[in-house]
């Protein structure tokens, strides 16, 4: 069973919602007729369809065989997710590494914050 993130990626690619990600995956699959057929079968399919599930499984196999491709897929997915959220007026915060203190994630604070 593919990771949930790969199912989300597959659904976005099937709907061509993230163009850069679609092109990255299409290019990777170009030398593999079976993978290309899976991608084409998933185009326009619903997120919970067997075609999207098969695309997610194919993505999982491709990233297992080529970890660099897996990193590229995840980086493109992250960029798309952050960009789409910010474009709709949402707040996008990213914290990485070790956090040893207090972290506040907020939007539109008026006045001070006291801890």
Foldseek 3Di string as FASTA:
>chain_A
DFDPVLLVLLQCLLACVQVVLVVLQCVLCVVPVVLNVLSVVSRPPHSPDPSSVVNSVVVVVSCVVPVVSVVVNVVSVVVVVQVVQVVVVHFDDDDDDDDDDDDDDDPDDDDDDDD
